[in-house]
Amino acid sequence: MFKKKYYNALIIGSNFGYNSHFKALKKINIFNIDISSPNIKNKNIKDKKIRKFSNYKDALKKNQYHIITCAVPPKIQEKIIKYIINKKIPVKYLFFEKLYSTDVKFLNRSFNYFIKKNILINLNFIFPKLTHWKTLVKLLKNENVKFVRYRWLFKQAFFTNLQKTWKIDPKKGGGLYFYYLIHLIYNLITLFKKIEILDLVKSCNNKYKLIDYLFIKLLCGKKIPCEIEISNNSINNIHQLKIGTKKNTIELISKSKNWTNKFMIRKNMKTNPKFDNKSSNERYMLTLRNIKELLNYNSTSEKQYLHKLSTIITSHKITKKISMKNERS
């Protein structure tokens, strides 16, 4: 981590950027923070110390930043990444939201550029930063895993209020594959390293012709049978990673409508107070843990850092492959 003095930070995006990235950076308490957004003047940003820019290019022309964070739709994020590369913007740390890009070739090229320029990067995959995730990993340490079932069922706000959002539009880097499924793919790769796609069933249960249900059969790790069931237009609400081992069944589960709240660990259908971790799982706290991880990469081995980048790249490749796969007849 940095020594205790103030560095310049730029947040691009004023919704999740302000509600999550800003809170995280402020918590670290070593940054002078600027925020850029086209509609920044309409935002209720009360912190008077924040400098506001309506165009990120103006901010980058006038100032030099140690860290730049992005909380914008993927297609806009791609433009920002290209600008940083083409203009050779001097920066030490870059922090992005997923999806990084729907273009896997661009992802590889830009990652190679950042590695060459010694610019450290991280993506805000939040679920492995849950306090309960560490407990799950510990419980699996000496287990012989036999099967994995991953379910994430919920109703995306669009199917209730019909308000247009990029988060539901695959052409803008949203939709069931790129905005939601990629989380589960990343989580499984984090646990099992490898994934092989076997079969896919997809369906559209809405009049807008949007894919809103997927059932995927996979092999994880050393040929472990795995099933993913995911829907963003379900009457149910559950996030459940169920792992069967030779001796036990271990679950990470939440039935909260909030993405990160009320997770618990169950072992053989039983909860145990020692599995509970009272640390906060608020979204900005998970963002904070990912930003701290980024800032600590200087003290991380190159092998560990490149492994993290490989996990990010692989999750994008597999998600893209699934999105292009034809349904089983």
Protein backbone atom coordinates (compact mmCIF):
# COMPACT_ATOMS: atom_id res chain seq x y z
CA MET A 1 0.00 0.00 0.00
CA PHE A 2 1.05 3.62 -0.46
CA LYS A 3 2.79 5.56 2.26
CA LYS A 4 0.57 8.00 4.15
CA LYS A 5 0.38 11.04 1.90
CA TYR A 6 -2.09 12.34 -0.65
CA TYR A 7 -2.27 11.13 -4.24
CA ASN A 8 -4.61 12.13 -7.05
CA ALA A 9 -7.49 9.86 -8.03
CA LEU A 10 -10.01 10.22 -10.87
CA ILE A 11 -13.35 8.43 -10.81
CA ILE A 12 -15.09 8.27 -14.20
CA GLY A 13 -18.81 7.73 -13.63
CA SER A 14 -21.00 9.38 -10.99
CA ASN A 15 -23.62 6.75 -10.11
CA PHE A 16 -21.91 3.59 -8.89
CA GLY A 17 -18.68 5.60 -9.17
CA TYR A 18 -19.83 7.97 -6.43
CA ASN A 19 -21.82 5.47 -4.35
CA SER A 20 -19.11 2.79 -4.33
CA HIS A 21 -15.73 3.85 -5.78
CA PHE A 22 -15.75 7.22 -4.00
CA LYS A 23 -16.72 5.70 -0.65
CA ALA A 24 -13.96 3.11 -1.02
CA LEU A 25 -11.25 5.61 -1.98
CA LYS A 26 -12.32 7.98 0.80
CA LYS A 27 -12.08 5.12 3.29
CA ILE A 28 -8.45 4.54 2.28
CA ASN A 29 -7.88 8.24 3.05
CA ILE A 30 -4.79 8.94 0.95
CA PHE A 31 -6.43 10.43 -2.16
CA ASN A 32 -7.50 13.80 -3.51
CA ILE A 33 -10.52 12.67 -5.51
CA ASP A 34 -11.93 14.07 -8.76
CA ILE A 35 -15.11 12.79 -10.44
CA SER A 36 -15.99 13.01 -14.12
CA SER A 37 -19.43 12.52 -15.66
CA PRO A 38 -21.31 14.20 -18.57
CA ASN A 39 -24.19 15.04 -16.22
CA ILE A 40 -22.07 15.82 -13.15
CA LYS A 41 -23.86 19.15 -12.58
CA ASN A 42 -27.14 17.31 -12.02
CA LYS A 43 -25.68 15.01 -9.38
CA ASN A 44 -26.18 15.61 -5.69
CA ILE A 45 -22.52 15.33 -4.72
CA LYS A 46 -22.15 17.12 -1.40
CA ASP A 47 -18.44 16.66 -0.68
CA LYS A 48 -16.97 20.12 -1.41
CA LYS A 49 -13.42 18.77 -1.70
CA ILE A 50 -14.28 16.84 -4.86
CA ARG A 51 -13.37 18.54 -8.13
CA LYS A 52 -16.00 17.84 -10.79
CA PHE A 53 -15.46 17.45 -14.54
CA SER A 54 -18.09 16.95 -17.22
CA ASN A 55 -15.51 15.34 -19.55
CA TYR A 56 -12.88 12.82 -18.45
CA LYS A 57 -10.58 13.96 -21.27
CA ASP A 58 -10.45 17.46 -19.75
CA ALA A 59 -9.58 15.98 -16.36
CA LEU A 60 -6.79 13.87 -17.86
CA LYS A 61 -5.40 16.82 -19.86
CA LYS A 62 -5.28 19.12 -16.84
CA ASN A 63 -4.13 16.66 -14.16
CA GLN A 64 -1.95 13.62 -13.55
CA TYR A 65 -3.47 10.77 -11.57
CA HIS A 66 -2.01 7.87 -9.64
CA ILE A 67 -5.23 5.88 -9.97
CA ILE A 68 -8.13 6.05 -12.41
CA THR A 69 -11.31 4.12 -11.69
CA CYS A 70 -14.18 3.54 -14.12
CA ALA A 71 -17.81 2.86 -13.28
CA VAL A 72 -19.46 3.25 -16.68
CA PRO A 73 -21.15 0.91 -19.21
CA PRO A 74 -18.68 -1.45 -20.99
CA LYS A 75 -18.87 0.24 -24.41
CA ILE A 76 -17.99 3.60 -22.84
CA GLN A 77 -15.29 1.93 -20.77
CA GLU A 78 -13.73 0.57 -23.98
CA LYS A 79 -13.48 4.13 -25.34
CA ILE A 80 -11.83 5.32 -22.12
CA ILE A 81 -9.30 2.47 -22.22
CA LYS A 82 -8.47 3.25 -25.86
CA TYR A 83 -8.01 6.93 -24.98
CA ILE A 84 -5.65 6.08 -22.11
CA ILE A 85 -3.61 3.85 -24.42
CA ASN A 86 -3.59 6.11 -27.49
CA LYS A 87 -2.71 9.23 -25.52
CA LYS A 88 -0.17 7.34 -23.38
CA ILE A 89 -1.77 8.70 -20.21
CA PRO A 90 0.69 8.36 -17.32
CA VAL A 91 -1.00 6.42 -14.52
CA LYS A 92 0.04 3.72 -12.05
CA TYR A 93 -3.26 2.00 -11.23
CA LEU A 94 -6.43 1.33 -13.24
CA PHE A 95 -9.61 -0.05 -11.67
CA PHE A 96 -12.51 -1.17 -13.85
CA GLU A 97 -15.96 -2.63 -13.48
CA LYS A 98 -16.84 -5.79 -15.30
CA LEU A 99 -17.58 -6.35 -18.11
CA TYR A 100 -14.16 -5.05 -19.22
CA SER A 101 -15.06 -5.49 -22.89
CA THR A 102 -17.12 -7.76 -25.13
CA ASP A 103 -14.11 -7.81 -27.48
CA VAL A 104 -11.75 -10.48 -26.16
CA LYS A 105 -9.00 -9.57 -28.64
CA PHE A 106 -9.10 -5.97 -27.43
CA LEU A 107 -8.98 -7.21 -23.84
CA ASN A 108 -5.81 -9.21 -24.57
CA ARG A 109 -4.13 -6.36 -26.48
CA SER A 110 -4.87 -3.77 -23.82
CA PHE A 111 -3.79 -6.07 -20.97
CA ASN A 112 -0.49 -6.69 -22.78
CA TYR A 113 -0.02 -2.92 -23.18
CA PHE A 114 -0.64 -2.28 -19.47
CA ILE A 115 1.74 -5.08 -18.46
CA LYS A 116 4.44 -3.68 -20.77
CA LYS A 117 3.96 -0.16 -19.34
CA ASN A 118 3.92 -1.45 -15.75
CA ILE A 119 0.38 -0.12 -15.22
CA LEU A 120 -1.37 -2.29 -12.64
CA ILE A 121 -5.06 -3.14 -13.18
CA ASN A 122 -7.91 -4.87 -11.41
CA LEU A 123 -11.61 -5.56 -12.06
CA ASN A 124 -14.34 -5.27 -9.47
CA PHE A 125 -15.56 -8.87 -9.24
CA ILE A 126 -17.25 -8.63 -5.86
CA PHE A 127 -18.37 -12.10 -4.74
CA PRO A 128 -14.90 -13.53 -3.91
CA LYS A 129 -14.53 -10.51 -1.60
CA LEU A 130 -17.50 -11.59 0.51
CA THR A 131 -16.41 -12.36 4.06
CA HIS A 132 -18.15 -15.74 3.73
CA TRP A 133 -16.14 -16.61 0.60
CA LYS A 134 -12.97 -17.07 2.65
CA THR A 135 -14.86 -19.44 4.94
CA LEU A 136 -16.05 -21.41 1.91
CA VAL A 137 -12.50 -21.72 0.57
CA LYS A 138 -11.24 -22.93 3.97
CA LEU A 139 -14.00 -25.53 4.24
CA LEU A 140 -13.13 -26.89 0.78
CA LYS A 141 -9.39 -27.03 1.42
CA ASN A 142 -9.06 -30.75 2.10
CA GLU A 143 -12.29 -31.91 0.49
CA ASN A 144 -12.66 -34.19 -2.52
CA VAL A 145 -15.24 -32.31 -4.61
CA LYS A 146 -17.70 -34.51 -6.52
CA PHE A 147 -20.22 -32.03 -7.96
CA VAL A 148 -21.04 -28.33 -8.14
CA ARG A 149 -24.41 -26.66 -8.60
CA TYR A 150 -24.60 -22.88 -8.94
CA ARG A 151 -27.98 -21.09 -8.98
CA TRP A 152 -28.66 -17.37 -9.24
CA LEU A 153 -32.32 -16.52 -9.71
CA PHE A 154 -33.80 -13.04 -9.35
CA LYS A 155 -35.89 -10.44 -11.19
CA GLN A 156 -34.01 -7.60 -12.85
CA ALA A 157 -35.74 -4.24 -12.29
CA PHE A 158 -36.39 -3.80 -16.03
CA PHE A 159 -38.93 -6.66 -16.00
CA THR A 160 -40.84 -4.81 -13.27
CA ASN A 161 -40.58 -1.12 -14.13
CA LEU A 162 -39.72 -1.38 -17.88
CA GLN A 163 -37.22 1.45 -17.55
CA LYS A 164 -34.56 1.11 -20.23
CA THR A 165 -31.07 0.34 -18.98
CA TRP A 166 -27.83 -0.78 -20.62
CA LYS A 167 -27.67 -3.54 -18.02
CA ILE A 168 -30.31 -5.46 -19.98
CA ASP A 169 -28.88 -4.78 -23.45
CA PRO A 170 -26.28 -7.28 -24.78
CA LYS A 171 -25.22 -4.82 -27.51
CA LYS A 172 -24.10 -2.43 -24.78
CA GLY A 173 -22.27 -5.08 -22.74
CA GLY A 174 -25.24 -5.90 -20.53
CA GLY A 175 -27.73 -8.75 -20.57
CA LEU A 176 -27.82 -12.11 -18.84
CA TYR A 177 -24.47 -13.28 -20.25
CA PHE A 178 -22.23 -10.25 -19.84
CA TYR A 179 -23.67 -8.50 -16.80
CA TYR A 180 -24.64 -11.49 -14.67
CA LEU A 181 -23.32 -14.88 -15.84
CA ILE A 182 -19.73 -13.60 -15.98
CA HIS A 183 -19.81 -13.29 -12.18
CA LEU A 184 -20.54 -17.00 -11.75
CA ILE A 185 -17.94 -17.99 -14.36
CA TYR A 186 -15.30 -15.87 -12.63
CA ASN A 187 -16.23 -17.32 -9.21
CA LEU A 188 -15.94 -20.90 -10.48
CA ILE A 189 -12.58 -20.25 -12.16
CA THR A 190 -11.34 -18.70 -8.90
CA LEU A 191 -12.24 -21.93 -7.10
CA PHE A 192 -11.48 -24.60 -9.70
CA LYS A 193 -9.05 -22.96 -12.21
CA LYS A 194 -10.53 -24.63 -15.32
CA ILE A 195 -13.95 -24.80 -16.96
CA GLU A 196 -15.13 -26.86 -19.93
CA ILE A 197 -18.53 -26.14 -21.51
CA LEU A 198 -20.63 -29.25 -22.22
CA ASP A 199 -24.19 -28.18 -22.88
CA LEU A 200 -26.47 -25.15 -22.91
CA VAL A 201 -30.20 -24.54 -22.70
CA LYS A 202 -31.42 -20.97 -23.01
CA SER A 203 -34.87 -19.44 -23.11
CA CYS A 204 -36.70 -16.17 -23.56
CA ASN A 205 -39.73 -15.76 -21.29
CA ASN A 206 -40.57 -12.16 -22.10
CA LYS A 207 -42.04 -10.19 -25.01
CA TYR A 208 -38.83 -8.21 -25.49
CA LYS A 209 -36.96 -11.21 -26.95
CA LEU A 210 -34.25 -10.99 -24.29
CA ILE A 211 -32.55 -14.17 -23.11
CA ASP A 212 -33.58 -14.39 -19.46
CA TYR A 213 -32.79 -18.02 -18.51
CA LEU A 214 -29.74 -20.25 -18.91
CA PHE A 215 -29.00 -23.79 -17.83
CA ILE A 216 -25.40 -24.79 -18.48
CA LYS A 217 -23.57 -28.07 -17.95
CA LEU A 218 -19.84 -27.80 -17.39
CA LEU A 219 -16.80 -29.62 -16.13
CA CYS A 220 -14.84 -27.73 -13.48
CA GLY A 221 -11.27 -28.36 -12.35
CA LYS A 222 -10.37 -32.04 -12.66
CA LYS A 223 -13.53 -33.02 -14.60
CA ILE A 224 -15.96 -32.23 -11.77
CA PRO A 225 -19.59 -32.16 -13.01
CA CYS A 226 -21.02 -28.67 -12.66
CA GLU A 227 -24.40 -27.09 -13.40
CA ILE A 228 -25.27 -23.40 -13.63
CA GLU A 229 -28.85 -22.17 -13.53
CA ILE A 230 -29.30 -18.43 -13.87
CA SER A 231 -32.27 -16.17 -14.58
CA ASN A 232 -32.76 -12.41 -14.33
CA ASN A 233 -36.54 -12.76 -14.79
CA SER A 234 -37.48 -15.23 -12.08
CA ILE A 235 -40.20 -15.23 -9.44
CA ASN A 236 -37.65 -16.76 -7.08
CA ASN A 237 -34.75 -15.03 -5.39
CA ILE A 238 -31.68 -17.08 -4.50
CA HIS A 239 -27.91 -17.03 -4.92
CA GLN A 240 -26.64 -20.51 -4.05
CA LEU A 241 -23.31 -22.20 -4.67
CA LYS A 242 -23.75 -25.83 -3.60
CA ILE A 243 -20.68 -28.06 -3.58
CA GLY A 244 -20.89 -31.77 -2.89
CA THR A 245 -17.78 -33.53 -1.64
CA LYS A 246 -17.01 -37.13 -0.73
CA LYS A 247 -18.07 -36.49 2.87
CA ASN A 248 -20.02 -33.23 2.98
CA THR A 249 -22.32 -30.79 1.21
CA ILE A 250 -21.17 -27.20 1.58
CA GLU A 251 -23.27 -24.18 0.51
CA LEU A 252 -22.83 -20.47 0.13
CA ILE A 253 -26.37 -19.11 0.02
CA SER A 254 -28.42 -15.92 0.21
CA LYS A 255 -32.08 -15.22 -0.47
CA SER A 256 -31.75 -11.46 -0.17
CA LYS A 257 -32.77 -9.15 -3.02
CA ASN A 258 -29.62 -7.20 -2.27
CA TRP A 259 -26.73 -8.76 -4.23
CA THR A 260 -24.34 -9.02 -1.29
CA ASN A 261 -26.50 -9.17 1.84
CA LYS A 262 -27.44 -12.02 4.18
CA PHE A 263 -25.09 -14.67 2.83
CA MET A 264 -24.50 -17.66 5.05
CA ILE A 265 -22.52 -20.88 4.94
CA ARG A 266 -24.27 -24.21 5.47
CA LYS A 267 -22.53 -27.54 5.95
CA ASN A 268 -24.76 -30.58 5.49
CA MET A 269 -27.81 -28.26 5.62
CA LYS A 270 -26.75 -26.87 9.03
CA THR A 271 -25.52 -23.40 9.89
CA ASN A 272 -22.83 -22.87 12.49
CA PRO A 273 -22.02 -19.62 14.35
CA LYS A 274 -18.32 -20.14 13.68
CA PHE A 275 -19.04 -19.86 9.93
CA ASP A 276 -20.45 -16.35 10.39
CA ASN A 277 -18.27 -13.33 9.79
CA LYS A 278 -19.68 -10.04 10.99
CA SER A 279 -17.52 -7.90 8.69
CA SER A 280 -19.52 -5.72 6.32
CA ASN A 281 -20.55 -7.03 2.90
CA GLU A 282 -21.86 -3.68 1.71
CA ARG A 283 -21.09 -3.17 -1.98
CA TYR A 284 -18.65 -0.34 -1.38
CA MET A 285 -16.76 -2.48 1.16
CA LEU A 286 -16.29 -5.21 -1.46
CA THR A 287 -15.11 -2.52 -3.88
CA LEU A 288 -12.75 -1.29 -1.17
CA ARG A 289 -11.24 -4.78 -0.80
CA ASN A 290 -10.66 -5.00 -4.56
CA ILE A 291 -9.06 -1.54 -4.69
CA LYS A 292 -6.81 -2.44 -1.75
CA GLU A 293 -5.83 -5.60 -3.59
CA LEU A 294 -4.87 -3.45 -6.60
CA LEU A 295 -2.80 -1.05 -4.49
CA ASN A 296 -1.02 -3.99 -2.86
CA TYR A 297 0.03 -5.54 -6.18
CA ASN A 298 3.40 -3.80 -5.81
CA SER A 299 4.18 -6.17 -2.93
CA THR A 300 2.60 -9.17 -4.70
CA SER A 301 4.70 -11.59 -6.71
CA GLU A 302 4.55 -11.17 -10.48
CA LYS A 303 3.31 -14.75 -10.75
CA GLN A 304 0.31 -14.04 -8.49
CA TYR A 305 -0.54 -10.85 -10.37
CA LEU A 306 -0.37 -12.50 -13.79
CA HIS A 307 -2.49 -15.39 -12.48
CA LYS A 308 -5.16 -12.86 -11.45
CA LEU A 309 -5.11 -11.29 -14.92
CA SER A 310 -5.33 -14.75 -16.47
CA THR A 311 -8.44 -15.49 -14.38
CA ILE A 312 -10.05 -12.25 -15.57
CA ILE A 313 -9.23 -12.99 -19.22
CA THR A 314 -10.44 -16.59 -19.01
CA SER A 315 -13.76 -15.55 -17.44
CA HIS A 316 -14.37 -13.15 -20.33
CA LYS A 317 -13.40 -15.75 -22.95
CA ILE A 318 -15.68 -18.43 -21.51
CA THR A 319 -18.61 -16.04 -21.07
CA LYS A 320 -18.20 -14.88 -24.67
CA LYS A 321 -18.01 -18.49 -25.85
CA ILE A 322 -21.21 -19.38 -23.97
CA SER A 323 -22.99 -16.34 -25.42
CA MET A 324 -22.16 -17.53 -28.93
CA LYS A 325 -22.96 -21.19 -28.34
CA ASN A 326 -26.06 -22.63 -29.97
CA GLU A 327 -28.68 -24.20 -27.77
CA ARG A 328 -28.95 -27.98 -27.62
CA SER A 329 -31.78 -29.13 -29.84
